[in-house]
Amino acid sequence: MLWVFIIVAAVGLFWLGYRHPYRRRWLLPRRVLAHATVPSPSAVDRQHRHLLAGGRLGEAAVSETAAHFGELLRAGRASEVERELQPGVGFAVQVRALATVGTPEAGRVLERQLGRSLARDPIEQTWYWADVAAGLRHLQHVLALPAVLRCADAAAGLPAETVLAAEALAFPNFPSALNDLNSPTARAALRAVVAVSRGCRNGVIDPGCMLRAGLGDVLATLSETALPLPDPWLTAALLEAERFFRRTEHWARLLPEEERPLAERQGLRLLNSAHRRADWLLGAMPRLLARFPIAPSDEQAAILRCAHEFRTDVTKVFPHVPDRRVSWWADAVRALTWSTSAATGPVLAGQATRWLDSRRGRHRVSALLAALRGHPCYEAERVLLRAATGDDTELRRIAVSSLGWWPPCDPDSVMRVLRVVRTDPDAHTRRNAVSALARLGERAALNEVRAGLSAEETAIRAETAARIAAEELSWLWPDLQECVETSDPDTALAAAEAVERLREHVLGPTR
């Protein structure tokens, strides 16, 4: 009996140790799961990125499929059409074919696809939704707008988010979705307006297409009619209206000649509401911060994102470091980047140091390191230098990107670390080191970034302009101004956007 007890106990202890391991699973190797590796983009994702870059679907395949679907629908066999709509690279062709058929029944078939789960991969699923939304918009199947907006919300943070939002905004009945701003549909519509506006500024969406869709008119109507509500989604939309207004002059000059009158007309509407919009935005953050304690968690997160956009000091909302268990903890820490309290930097740096020394909170350190860029103090610099020379690639990358935003407390140590990290094996870390050195005025780093503005490829010039704005390399502002006057419209558009962003960084988003 004793031997039986010993054997059972040994097996039980072995099982517990295997199921609940410490740093090492005894002498057994760790099993590598298939999903633990970095997945390669799916064929559907690659197909849609190709289409976004200007690729085309096979017209012959679309025409043949449209003829087949048309016969089935005329015979009243819509269920067979739905069975043939299967996920894969052919789904886009099938949806385009149904849009070509153009009947109300084809629209109803497409609308039902928005409720289907076609793929486990969320990226692939959202691309299917984008295909369907484009087909419904082509058919002007306006009853599907609420479903398209729900899909756009579900795609937040994914590549198809902006495409879905743009398709929703192009529906002819989109302005009516904003009639009751308290309704869920209006909230989703406001989020779509913000996503599309940002897509225009980021170069993801052609501004001319959105001008034709009436984006400027939607923003002007919001500016003219918005009540002073503590609504973070409305606030974000009106902020985008202000940004849109400041860019219409650039867009009108750089867009094709036939689209310039449209940009000028929408810009004039935004100009007429500029004074009212400025007053509204001036009182927006006090209203939002007053509402924050009683707002639901999703609204609190949206308020904190607005605070970050406005670079508002939220210290009064957080007299102590936010509880890491709340869903909006990362948003709160990011908003604390702009805190003017002298105590915020040392507190955030102390928390980052404690979590660097432990395994439990290490995954949260990146948010703290990113927020320390706004706190010029010795404690922040010390923890950033420690993380910049550590073994964790991601933390090293973020720590390096947070250096160089203020005159160093210990210039020799900061410059020495940045010059060492400039040869880091990770390309992103090297790039961040060059940007940090450029912010500190190192001539070699500035020349390295400046060289991208005169590259032969348009994509490199546009990417360099965006980098200058994102890294706030104001030393290169005159170089950007020269690019605004270049004859290449894509480079000029990217440079004009970068100049506007630098101006906003210096003067604030509403000035």
Foldseek 3Di string as FASTA:
>chain_A
DVVVVVVVVVVVVLVVCQVDDDPDSPPDDDDDDPVVDDDDDDPLLVVVVCVLVPDDDDPVLLQVLLVVVLVCVVVVNLVVLLVPCADDNCNLSNLSSLLVNLDVSSLVSLLVLLVDDRDPPLLSRLSSLLSSLQSNQSSLVVVSLLSLLVSLVVCPPHPCNLSSLLSSLLRPCLLVQCPDCVDPSNLSNLVSLLSPLVCCLVVSDPVLSVLVSPSLVSLLVLLVDPDLAQFLSSLSSLLSNLVLLVCLVLCLVLPPVVSNVSSVVSSVSSVVSLVSSLVSNVCRLVNNLVCLVVDPLVRNLSSLVVLLQQLHANCVVPVDQDDPPRPNNLSNLSSNLSHPDLVSLLRLLVVLVVCVVDPPCVVVSLSSLLSNLSHQDPSNLVSLLVQLPDDDPSSVLSSLLSAQSDPHPDVVSNVVSLVVQCPPPDPSSVLSSLLSVLSVPDPVSVVVLLVQCVDPDLVSNLVSLVVCQVSLNVVCLVVLVVQLPDPDSSNVSSSVSSNSSNVCVVPNSSD
